[in-house]
C-alpha cells in the first residue's frame, strides 16, 4: 500500500517511544484513528496491514495508516529494538495508487521501506527525545521534526521507485535477449541483486503480470512472429529455441493464447509467404 500525507503544520505527534521486545509479543489487532510509523533498529517484526503481510527487518520502516486494520500473527523476534511514532491524521491523507500523480500534492510513502539514510535514522531518534523533553514549544518542535521525517521518507520512496524501474528494465531486457531460456524467479532476483519477493512485487506492478506469465506470453508472441513469416521448423525445435519444456508444453500454451495449434497457425500464412517469394 502507498499512502499520501498532506503537508501540514497542524500534524501532531501523539506518542513516540523506543520499544525493546525482550519478551516477544504479537502486534496488537486494531484499527487506529491515528497513523503508526515505526523503525526497526535491530531485530525482526511481522505485521499484517489489511491483506498484506509486512516483514520488517533491521533498517526497515513500516507505515500502518489510520483507519486501516493491522495485526500480528506471530511474535516479534526476541530482543527486537524499534522506535514507534503515533501521529494525527489530517484531512486529505489517503491511500493512493498512482504515486507520480499524487507527488505534487501529497507526501507519498509506502507501507514498507528500507533505508540506510542516516538523516532518517537521526529523525527517528530525535522525535522520541523531543517528545519526552521539557523544552519549550516541544509540541511544535515535534511537529516540525515529524514533517521533516515524512518529507525525507517521501524522497526515499521516489529514489527507490527510480531504482526499481531500472531493475525491471534490466530484467525485461534479459528475458527478451535470451528467448531460449526460461528463468526462475530466484535466478532473476540474483541477476537484479534484489530479494525474490521484492522483484515479484515490483515486476507485477510494472507489467501487470507475474514473471512466469510474462515469459510465457513473450515467448509465444515471438513464436507467432516466426510462424507468420514462414519459419516453422517443427514443434521440437521451437520448444527448444524458446525455452519451453517440450513440444506438448508449447502446443498447449500456444492453443490457449491463439485458439489454434502452432501448425494450423503457420498454415494460415503459407499462401501469403509463397506470394512474397514469387514476387
C-alpha atoms as a PDB file:
ATOM      1  CA  UNK A   1       0.000   0.000   0.000  1.00  0.00           C
ATOM      2  CA  UNK A   2       1.143   3.528  -0.785  1.00  0.00           C
ATOM      3  CA  UNK A   3      -0.209   6.307   1.389  1.00  0.00           C
ATOM      4  CA  UNK A   4      -0.232  10.050   0.791  1.00  0.00           C
ATOM      5  CA  UNK A   5       0.176  12.612   3.560  1.00  0.00           C
ATOM      6  CA  UNK A   6      -0.936  16.209   3.263  1.00  0.00           C
ATOM      7  CA  UNK A   7       1.937  18.554   4.240  1.00  0.00           C
ATOM      8  CA  UNK A   8       0.557  20.208   7.368  1.00  0.00           C
ATOM      9  CA  UNK A   9       1.941  22.190  10.285  1.00  0.00           C
ATOM     10  CA  UNK A  10      -1.115  21.081  12.299  1.00  0.00           C
ATOM     11  CA  UNK A  11       0.013  17.466  12.361  1.00  0.00           C
ATOM     12  CA  UNK A  12       0.889  16.397  15.921  1.00  0.00           C
ATOM     13  CA  UNK A  13       2.915  13.607  17.475  1.00  0.00           C
ATOM     14  CA  UNK A  14       0.649  11.716  19.902  1.00  0.00           C
ATOM     15  CA  UNK A  15       3.330   9.441  21.324  1.00  0.00           C
ATOM     16  CA  UNK A  16       6.901   8.469  20.382  1.00  0.00           C
ATOM     17  CA  UNK A  17       8.996   5.858  22.158  1.00  0.00           C
ATOM     18  CA  UNK A  18      11.652   3.175  21.924  1.00  0.00           C
ATOM     19  CA  UNK A  19      10.480  -0.408  22.412  1.00  0.00           C
ATOM     20  CA  UNK A  20      12.634  -3.403  23.372  1.00  0.00           C
ATOM     21  CA  UNK A  21      10.837  -6.710  22.910  1.00  0.00           C
ATOM     22  CA  UNK A  22      12.941  -8.747  25.317  1.00  0.00           C
ATOM     23  CA  UNK A  23       9.850 -10.866  25.760  1.00  0.00           C
ATOM     24  CA  UNK A  24       8.471 -11.464  22.218  1.00  0.00           C
ATOM     25  CA  UNK A  25       4.954 -10.153  21.626  1.00  0.00           C
ATOM     26  CA  UNK A  26       2.413 -10.302  18.821  1.00  0.00           C
ATOM     27  CA  UNK A  27       1.478  -6.964  17.244  1.00  0.00           C
ATOM     28  CA  UNK A  28      -1.934  -5.770  18.542  1.00  0.00           C
ATOM     29  CA  UNK A  29      -5.029  -6.433  16.437  1.00  0.00           C
ATOM     30  CA  UNK A  30      -6.506  -2.958  15.930  1.00  0.00           C
ATOM     31  CA  UNK A  31      -7.677  -0.143  13.684  1.00  0.00           C
ATOM     32  CA  UNK A  32      -6.430   3.225  14.900  1.00  0.00           C
ATOM     33  CA  UNK A  33      -7.648   6.761  14.237  1.00  0.00           C
ATOM     34  CA  UNK A  34      -4.002   7.848  14.114  1.00  0.00           C
ATOM     35  CA  UNK A  35      -1.040   6.843  11.973  1.00  0.00           C
ATOM     36  CA  UNK A  36       1.538   4.367  13.278  1.00  0.00           C
ATOM     37  CA  UNK A  37       5.097   4.639  11.927  1.00  0.00           C
ATOM     38  CA  UNK A  38       7.946   2.523  13.226  1.00  0.00           C
ATOM     39  CA  UNK A  39      11.598   1.825  12.511  1.00  0.00           C
ATOM     40  CA  UNK A  40      13.386  -1.419  13.422  1.00  0.00           C
ATOM     41  CA  UNK A  41      16.850  -0.609  14.756  1.00  0.00           C
ATOM     42  CA  UNK A  42      17.646  -4.257  15.360  1.00  0.00           C
ATOM     43  CA  UNK A  43      15.634  -7.442  15.044  1.00  0.00           C
ATOM     44  CA  UNK A  44      12.597  -8.540  13.071  1.00  0.00           C
ATOM     45  CA  UNK A  45       8.850  -7.993  13.094  1.00  0.00           C
ATOM     46  CA  UNK A  46       5.921  -9.255  11.066  1.00  0.00           C
ATOM     47  CA  UNK A  47       2.706  -7.228  10.753  1.00  0.00           C
ATOM     48  CA  UNK A  48      -0.357  -7.655   8.576  1.00  0.00           C
ATOM     49  CA  UNK A  49      -1.824  -4.483   7.036  1.00  0.00           C
ATOM     50  CA  UNK A  50      -5.267  -5.428   5.725  1.00  0.00           C
ATOM     51  CA  UNK A  51      -4.371  -8.444   3.497  1.00  0.00           C
ATOM     52  CA  UNK A  52      -0.672  -7.605   3.090  1.00  0.00           C
ATOM     53  CA  UNK A  53       1.995  -9.141   5.317  1.00  0.00           C
ATOM     54  CA  UNK A  54       4.912  -6.816   6.013  1.00  0.00           C
ATOM     55  CA  UNK A  55       8.235  -8.268   7.132  1.00  0.00           C
ATOM     56  CA  UNK A  56      10.326  -5.616   8.870  1.00  0.00           C
ATOM     57  CA  UNK A  57      13.996  -6.349   9.494  1.00  0.00           C
ATOM     58  CA  UNK A  58      16.887  -4.218  10.753  1.00  0.00           C
ATOM     59  CA  UNK A  59      16.879  -0.861   8.937  1.00  0.00           C
ATOM     60  CA  UNK A  60      13.298  -1.251   7.738  1.00  0.00           C
ATOM     61  CA  UNK A  61      10.413   1.149   8.224  1.00  0.00           C
ATOM     62  CA  UNK A  62       6.728   0.216   8.321  1.00  0.00           C
ATOM     63  CA  UNK A  63       3.755   2.534   7.971  1.00  0.00           C
ATOM     64  CA  UNK A  64       0.365   1.493   9.334  1.00  0.00           C
ATOM     65  CA  UNK A  65      -2.070   4.227   8.236  1.00  0.00           C
ATOM     66  CA  UNK A  66      -5.025   5.418  10.282  1.00  0.00           C
ATOM     67  CA  UNK A  67      -8.388   3.754   9.606  1.00  0.00           C
ATOM     68  CA  UNK A  68      -6.674   0.622   8.228  1.00  0.00           C
ATOM     69  CA  UNK A  69      -6.827  -2.688  10.075  1.00  0.00           C
ATOM     70  CA  UNK A  70      -3.466  -4.111  11.132  1.00  0.00           C
ATOM     71  CA  UNK A  71      -2.500  -7.039  13.328  1.00  0.00           C
ATOM     72  CA  UNK A  72       0.160  -9.653  14.024  1.00  0.00           C
ATOM     73  CA  UNK A  73       0.027 -13.422  13.670  1.00  0.00           C
ATOM     74  CA  UNK A  74       3.384 -14.360  15.164  1.00  0.00           C
ATOM     75  CA  UNK A  75       5.593 -12.851  17.890  1.00  0.00           C
ATOM     76  CA  UNK A  76       8.383 -10.422  17.105  1.00  0.00           C
ATOM     77  CA  UNK A  77      11.889 -11.828  17.204  1.00  0.00           C
ATOM     78  CA  UNK A  78      13.270 -11.766  20.741  1.00  0.00           C
ATOM     79  CA  UNK A  79      15.242  -8.613  21.669  1.00  0.00           C
ATOM     80  CA  UNK A  80      13.876  -6.629  18.737  1.00  0.00           C
ATOM     81  CA  UNK A  81      14.531  -2.893  19.218  1.00  0.00           C
ATOM     82  CA  UNK A  82      12.200  -0.477  17.450  1.00  0.00           C
ATOM     83  CA  UNK A  83      11.120   3.154  17.551  1.00  0.00           C
ATOM     84  CA  UNK A  84       7.442   3.900  17.008  1.00  0.00           C
ATOM     85  CA  UNK A  85       5.704   7.208  16.380  1.00  0.00           C
ATOM     86  CA  UNK A  86       1.937   7.729  16.526  1.00  0.00           C
ATOM     87  CA  UNK A  87       0.681  10.939  14.921  1.00  0.00           C
ATOM     88  CA  UNK A  88      -2.544  12.601  13.878  1.00  0.00           C
ATOM     89  CA  UNK A  89      -4.415  12.074  10.655  1.00  0.00           C
ATOM     90  CA  UNK A  90      -5.134  15.219   8.628  1.00  0.00           C
ATOM     91  CA  UNK A  91      -7.920  15.864   6.147  1.00  0.00           C
ATOM     92  CA  UNK A  92      -6.686  14.742   2.729  1.00  0.00           C
ATOM     93  CA  UNK A  93      -4.451  11.905   3.968  1.00  0.00           C
ATOM     94  CA  UNK A  94      -5.339   8.923   1.800  1.00  0.00           C
ATOM     95  CA  UNK A  95      -4.299   5.629   0.262  1.00  0.00           C
ATOM     96  CA  UNK A  96      -3.019   6.220  -3.280  1.00  0.00           C
ATOM     97  CA  UNK A  97      -2.404   4.053  -6.352  1.00  0.00           C
ATOM     98  CA  UNK A  98      -0.602   6.488  -8.644  1.00  0.00           C
ATOM     99  CA  UNK A  99       2.290   7.915  -6.616  1.00  0.00           C
ATOM    100  CA  UNK A 100       3.521  10.011  -9.554  1.00  0.00           C
ATOM    101  CA  UNK A 101       0.166  11.758  -9.944  1.00  0.00           C
ATOM    102  CA  UNK A 102      -0.036  12.447  -6.213  1.00  0.00           C
ATOM    103  CA  UNK A 103       3.577  13.591  -5.836  1.00  0.00           C
ATOM    104  CA  UNK A 104       2.858  17.313  -6.268  1.00  0.00           C
ATOM    105  CA  UNK A 105       0.166  17.415  -3.587  1.00  0.00           C
ATOM    106  CA  UNK A 106       0.942  14.576  -1.188  1.00  0.00           C
ATOM    107  CA  UNK A 107       3.961  13.045   0.501  1.00  0.00           C
ATOM    108  CA  UNK A 108       3.753   9.509  -0.914  1.00  0.00           C
ATOM    109  CA  UNK A 109       5.166   6.821   1.374  1.00  0.00           C
ATOM    110  CA  UNK A 110       4.821   3.026   1.002  1.00  0.00           C
ATOM    111  CA  UNK A 111       3.795   0.731   3.837  1.00  0.00           C
ATOM    112  CA  UNK A 112       7.288  -0.800   3.741  1.00  0.00           C
ATOM    113  CA  UNK A 113      10.576   0.967   3.084  1.00  0.00           C
ATOM    114  CA  UNK A 114      14.211   0.022   3.665  1.00  0.00           C
ATOM    115  CA  UNK A 115      16.656   2.862   4.098  1.00  0.00           C
ATOM    116  CA  UNK A 116      20.281   3.454   5.006  1.00  0.00           C
ATOM    117  CA  UNK A 117      19.706   7.229   5.093  1.00  0.00           C
ATOM    118  CA  UNK A 118      21.386   8.472   8.268  1.00  0.00           C
ATOM    119  CA  UNK A 119      19.156  11.567   8.333  1.00  0.00           C
ATOM    120  CA  UNK A 120      16.066   9.367   8.578  1.00  0.00           C
ATOM    121  CA  UNK A 121      17.622   7.425  11.444  1.00  0.00           C
ATOM    122  CA  UNK A 122      18.537  10.656  13.241  1.00  0.00           C
ATOM    123  CA  UNK A 123      14.987  11.980  12.937  1.00  0.00           C
ATOM    124  CA  UNK A 124      13.560   8.748  14.314  1.00  0.00           C
ATOM    125  CA  UNK A 125      15.890   9.264  17.291  1.00  0.00           C
ATOM    126  CA  UNK A 126      15.176  12.981  17.659  1.00  0.00           C
ATOM    127  CA  UNK A 127      11.390  12.748  17.796  1.00  0.00           C
ATOM    128  CA  UNK A 128      11.130  10.475  20.884  1.00  0.00           C
ATOM    129  CA  UNK A 129      13.845  12.534  22.578  1.00  0.00           C
ATOM    130  CA  UNK A 130      11.941  15.733  21.896  1.00  0.00           C
ATOM    131  CA  UNK A 131       8.619  14.169  22.879  1.00  0.00           C
ATOM    132  CA  UNK A 132      10.000  13.261  26.325  1.00  0.00           C
ATOM    133  CA  UNK A 133      11.906  16.525  26.840  1.00  0.00           C
ATOM    134  CA  UNK A 134      10.960  19.547  28.935  1.00  0.00           C
ATOM    135  CA  UNK A 135      11.872  22.063  26.248  1.00  0.00           C
ATOM    136  CA  UNK A 136       9.587  24.971  25.488  1.00  0.00           C
ATOM    137  CA  UNK A 137       7.328  24.557  22.426  1.00  0.00           C
ATOM    138  CA  UNK A 138       8.103  20.836  22.389  1.00  0.00           C
ATOM    139  CA  UNK A 139       4.764  20.051  20.691  1.00  0.00           C
ATOM    140  CA  UNK A 140       5.632  22.419  17.848  1.00  0.00           C
ATOM    141  CA  UNK A 141       9.190  21.077  17.700  1.00  0.00           C
ATOM    142  CA  UNK A 142       7.886  17.512  17.449  1.00  0.00           C
ATOM    143  CA  UNK A 143       5.528  18.515  14.642  1.00  0.00           C
ATOM    144  CA  UNK A 144       8.373  20.156  12.714  1.00  0.00           C
ATOM    145  CA  UNK A 145      10.589  17.093  13.119  1.00  0.00           C
ATOM    146  CA  UNK A 146       7.735  14.812  12.057  1.00  0.00           C
ATOM    147  CA  UNK A 147       7.059  16.813   8.892  1.00  0.00           C
ATOM    148  CA  UNK A 148      10.748  16.722   8.069  1.00  0.00           C
ATOM    149  CA  UNK A 149      10.773  12.950   8.597  1.00  0.00           C
ATOM    150  CA  UNK A 150       7.778  12.478   6.288  1.00  0.00           C
ATOM    151  CA  UNK A 151       9.433  14.536   3.538  1.00  0.00           C
ATOM    152  CA  UNK A 152      12.660  12.532   3.888  1.00  0.00           C
ATOM    153  CA  UNK A 153      10.719   9.262   3.620  1.00  0.00           C
ATOM    154  CA  UNK A 154       8.812  10.532   0.563  1.00  0.00           C
ATOM    155  CA  UNK A 155      12.137  11.387  -1.108  1.00  0.00           C
ATOM    156  CA  UNK A 156      13.491   7.934  -0.208  1.00  0.00           C
ATOM    157  CA  UNK A 157      10.430   6.335  -1.803  1.00  0.00           C
ATOM    158  CA  UNK A 158      10.920   8.347  -5.017  1.00  0.00           C
ATOM    159  CA  UNK A 159      14.547   7.263  -5.278  1.00  0.00           C
ATOM    160  CA  UNK A 160      13.524   3.671  -4.659  1.00  0.00           C
ATOM    161  CA  UNK A 161      10.921   3.846  -7.446  1.00  0.00           C
ATOM    162  CA  UNK A 162      13.562   5.108  -9.904  1.00  0.00           C
ATOM    163  CA  UNK A 163      15.903   2.291  -8.887  1.00  0.00           C
ATOM    164  CA  UNK A 164      13.117  -0.292  -9.191  1.00  0.00           C
ATOM    165  CA  UNK A 165      12.207   0.971 -12.669  1.00  0.00           C
ATOM    166  CA  UNK A 166      15.801   0.404 -13.791  1.00  0.00           C
ATOM    167  CA  UNK A 167      15.863  -3.064 -12.210  1.00  0.00           C
ATOM    168  CA  UNK A 168      12.692  -4.089 -14.055  1.00  0.00           C
ATOM    169  CA  UNK A 169      14.052  -2.700 -17.336  1.00  0.00           C
ATOM    170  CA  UNK A 170      17.211  -4.787 -16.901  1.00  0.00           C
ATOM    171  CA  UNK A 171      15.203  -7.921 -16.134  1.00  0.00           C
ATOM    172  CA  UNK A 172      12.918  -7.393 -19.145  1.00  0.00           C
ATOM    173  CA  UNK A 173      15.964  -6.924 -21.379  1.00  0.00           C
ATOM    174  CA  UNK A 174      17.490 -10.161 -20.084  1.00  0.00           C
ATOM    175  CA  UNK A 175      14.287 -12.088 -20.804  1.00  0.00           C
ATOM    176  CA  UNK A 176      13.952 -10.559 -24.289  1.00  0.00           C
ATOM    177  CA  UNK A 177      17.590 -11.119 -25.238  1.00  0.00           C
ATOM    178  CA  UNK A 178      17.615 -14.776 -24.173  1.00  0.00           C
ATOM    179  CA  UNK A 179      14.345 -16.259 -25.512  1.00  0.00           C
ATOM    180  CA  UNK A 180      15.787 -19.796 -25.370  1.00  0.00           C
ATOM    181  CA  UNK A 181      15.892 -19.646 -21.567  1.00  0.00           C
ATOM    182  CA  UNK A 182      13.110 -19.788 -19.021  1.00  0.00           C
ATOM    183  CA  UNK A 183      14.313 -18.015 -15.907  1.00  0.00           C
ATOM    184  CA  UNK A 184      13.223 -18.853 -12.380  1.00  0.00           C
ATOM    185  CA  UNK A 185      12.338 -16.028 -10.009  1.00  0.00           C
ATOM    186  CA  UNK A 186      15.417 -16.763  -7.898  1.00  0.00           C
ATOM    187  CA  UNK A 187      17.688 -16.565 -10.963  1.00  0.00           C
ATOM    188  CA  UNK A 188      16.255 -13.201 -11.990  1.00  0.00           C
ATOM    189  CA  UNK A 189      16.432 -11.924  -8.395  1.00  0.00           C
ATOM    190  CA  UNK A 190      20.141 -12.833  -8.180  1.00  0.00           C
ATOM    191  CA  UNK A 191      20.752 -11.122 -11.513  1.00  0.00           C
ATOM    192  CA  UNK A 192      18.928  -7.983 -10.348  1.00  0.00           C
ATOM    193  CA  UNK A 193      20.512  -8.005  -6.899  1.00  0.00           C
ATOM    194  CA  UNK A 194      17.207  -7.956  -5.014  1.00  0.00           C
ATOM    195  CA  UNK A 195      15.186 -10.447  -2.989  1.00  0.00           C
ATOM    196  CA  UNK A 196      12.669 -12.650  -4.898  1.00  0.00           C
ATOM    197  CA  UNK A 197       9.677 -11.184  -3.039  1.00  0.00           C
ATOM    198  CA  UNK A 198      10.661  -7.620  -3.912  1.00  0.00           C
ATOM    199  CA  UNK A 199      11.272  -8.491  -7.568  1.00  0.00           C
ATOM    200  CA  UNK A 200       7.952 -10.339  -7.842  1.00  0.00           C
ATOM    201  CA  UNK A 201       6.034  -7.425  -6.352  1.00  0.00           C
ATOM    202  CA  UNK A 202       7.645  -4.708  -8.495  1.00  0.00           C
ATOM    203  CA  UNK A 203       7.521  -6.836 -11.653  1.00  0.00           C
ATOM    204  CA  UNK A 204       3.773  -7.291 -11.336  1.00  0.00           C
ATOM    205  CA  UNK A 205       3.339  -3.593 -10.580  1.00  0.00           C
ATOM    206  CA  UNK A 206       5.353  -2.618 -13.684  1.00  0.00           C
ATOM    207  CA  UNK A 207       3.962  -5.166 -16.170  1.00  0.00           C
ATOM    208  CA  UNK A 208       0.608  -6.218 -14.756  1.00  0.00           C
ATOM    209  CA  UNK A 209       1.719  -9.848 -14.999  1.00  0.00           C
ATOM    210  CA  UNK A 210       3.592 -12.416 -12.958  1.00  0.00           C
ATOM    211  CA  UNK A 211       7.172 -13.207 -14.011  1.00  0.00           C
ATOM    212  CA  UNK A 212       6.096 -16.680 -15.162  1.00  0.00           C
ATOM    213  CA  UNK A 213       3.183 -15.422 -17.258  1.00  0.00           C
ATOM    214  CA  UNK A 214       5.229 -12.607 -18.790  1.00  0.00           C
ATOM    215  CA  UNK A 215       7.887 -15.037 -20.004  1.00  0.00           C
ATOM    216  CA  UNK A 216       5.285 -17.384 -21.496  1.00  0.00           C
ATOM    217  CA  UNK A 217       3.482 -14.532 -23.259  1.00  0.00           C
ATOM    218  CA  UNK A 218       6.724 -13.056 -24.589  1.00  0.00           C
ATOM    219  CA  UNK A 219       7.883 -16.393 -25.986  1.00  0.00           C
ATOM    220  CA  UNK A 220       4.528 -17.131 -27.607  1.00  0.00           C
ATOM    221  CA  UNK A 221       4.466 -13.756 -29.340  1.00  0.00           C
ATOM    222  CA  UNK A 222       7.944 -14.383 -30.739  1.00  0.00           C
ATOM    223  CA  UNK A 223       6.926 -17.855 -31.909  1.00  0.00           C
ATOM    224  CA  UNK A 224       3.873 -16.363 -33.631  1.00  0.00           C
ATOM    225  CA  UNK A 225       6.040 -13.819 -35.490  1.00  0.00           C
ATOM    226  CA  UNK A 226       8.268 -16.615 -36.798  1.00  0.00           C
ATOM    227  CA  UNK A 227       5.258 -18.632 -37.948  1.00  0.00           C
ATOM    228  CA  UNK A 228       3.773 -15.595 -39.699  1.00  0.00           C
ATOM    229  CA  UNK A 229       6.987 -15.317 -41.691  1.00  0.00           C
ATOM    230  CA  UNK A 230       7.076 -18.955 -42.729  1.00  0.00           C
ATOM    231  CA  UNK A 231       9.799 -20.051 -40.326  1.00  0.00           C
ATOM    232  CA  UNK A 232       8.121 -23.183 -38.973  1.00  0.00           C
ATOM    233  CA  UNK A 233      10.874 -25.689 -38.224  1.00  0.00           C
ATOM    234  CA  UNK A 234       8.834 -28.149 -36.197  1.00  0.00           C
ATOM    235  CA  UNK A 235       7.480 -28.093 -32.657  1.00  0.00           C
ATOM    236  CA  UNK A 236      10.538 -29.743 -31.130  1.00  0.00           C
ATOM    237  CA  UNK A 237      12.937 -27.110 -32.472  1.00  0.00           C
ATOM    238  CA  UNK A 238      10.607 -24.277 -31.500  1.00  0.00           C
ATOM    239  CA  UNK A 239      10.149 -25.618 -27.979  1.00  0.00           C
ATOM    240  CA  UNK A 240      13.935 -25.826 -27.500  1.00  0.00           C
ATOM    241  CA  UNK A 241      14.675 -22.444 -29.067  1.00  0.00           C
ATOM    242  CA  UNK A 242      12.093 -20.671 -26.913  1.00  0.00           C
ATOM    243  CA  UNK A 243      12.658 -22.391 -23.604  1.00  0.00           C
ATOM    244  CA  UNK A 244       9.504 -24.498 -23.351  1.00  0.00           C
ATOM    245  CA  UNK A 245       9.645 -27.802 -21.504  1.00  0.00           C
ATOM    246  CA  UNK A 246       8.742 -29.817 -24.611  1.00  0.00           C
ATOM    247  CA  UNK A 247       6.541 -29.813 -27.713  1.00  0.00           C
ATOM    248  CA  UNK A 248       3.414 -30.581 -25.677  1.00  0.00           C
ATOM    249  CA  UNK A 249       4.032 -27.584 -23.396  1.00  0.00           C
ATOM    250  CA  UNK A 250       4.496 -25.247 -26.370  1.00  0.00           C
ATOM    251  CA  UNK A 251       1.454 -26.619 -28.170  1.00  0.00           C
ATOM    252  CA  UNK A 252      -0.768 -26.305 -25.077  1.00  0.00           C
ATOM    253  CA  UNK A 253       0.328 -22.734 -24.290  1.00  0.00           C
ATOM    254  CA  UNK A 254       0.036 -21.618 -27.909  1.00  0.00           C
ATOM    255  CA  UNK A 255      -3.506 -23.012 -28.281  1.00  0.00           C
ATOM    256  CA  UNK A 256      -4.538 -21.341 -25.042  1.00  0.00           C
ATOM    257  CA  UNK A 257      -3.338 -17.926 -26.293  1.00  0.00           C
ATOM    258  CA  UNK A 258      -4.222 -18.067 -30.004  1.00  0.00           C
ATOM    259  CA  UNK A 259      -7.032 -20.634 -30.077  1.00  0.00           C
ATOM    260  CA  UNK A 260      -5.309 -22.960 -32.544  1.00  0.00           C
ATOM    261  CA  UNK A 261      -2.152 -25.073 -32.679  1.00  0.00           C
ATOM    262  CA  UNK A 262       1.160 -23.681 -33.990  1.00  0.00           C
ATOM    263  CA  UNK A 263       0.890 -25.958 -37.041  1.00  0.00           C
ATOM    264  CA  UNK A 264      -2.551 -24.669 -38.030  1.00  0.00           C
ATOM    265  CA  UNK A 265      -1.468 -21.113 -37.214  1.00  0.00           C
ATOM    266  CA  UNK A 266       1.519 -21.349 -39.594  1.00  0.00           C
ATOM    267  CA  UNK A 267      -0.672 -22.690 -42.405  1.00  0.00           C
ATOM    268  CA  UNK A 268      -2.767 -19.530 -42.291  1.00  0.00           C
ATOM    269  CA  UNK A 269       0.237 -17.612 -43.600  1.00  0.00           C
ATOM    270  CA  UNK A 270       1.583 -20.137 -46.141  1.00  0.00           C
ATOM    271  CA  UNK A 271      -0.152 -18.588 -49.156  1.00  0.00           C
ATOM    272  CA  UNK A 272       0.985 -15.074 -48.323  1.00  0.00           C
ATOM    273  CA  UNK A 273       4.567 -16.222 -47.837  1.00  0.00           C
ATOM    274  CA  UNK A 274       4.536 -18.036 -51.199  1.00  0.00           C
ATOM    275  CA  UNK A 275       3.242 -14.909 -52.912  1.00  0.00           C
ATOM    276  CA  UNK A 276       6.070 -12.843 -51.437  1.00  0.00           C
ATOM    277  CA  UNK A 277       8.620 -15.398 -52.668  1.00  0.00           C
ATOM    278  CA  UNK A 278       7.151 -15.312 -56.195  1.00  0.00           C
ATOM    279  CA  UNK A 279       7.262 -11.522 -56.284  1.00  0.00           C
END
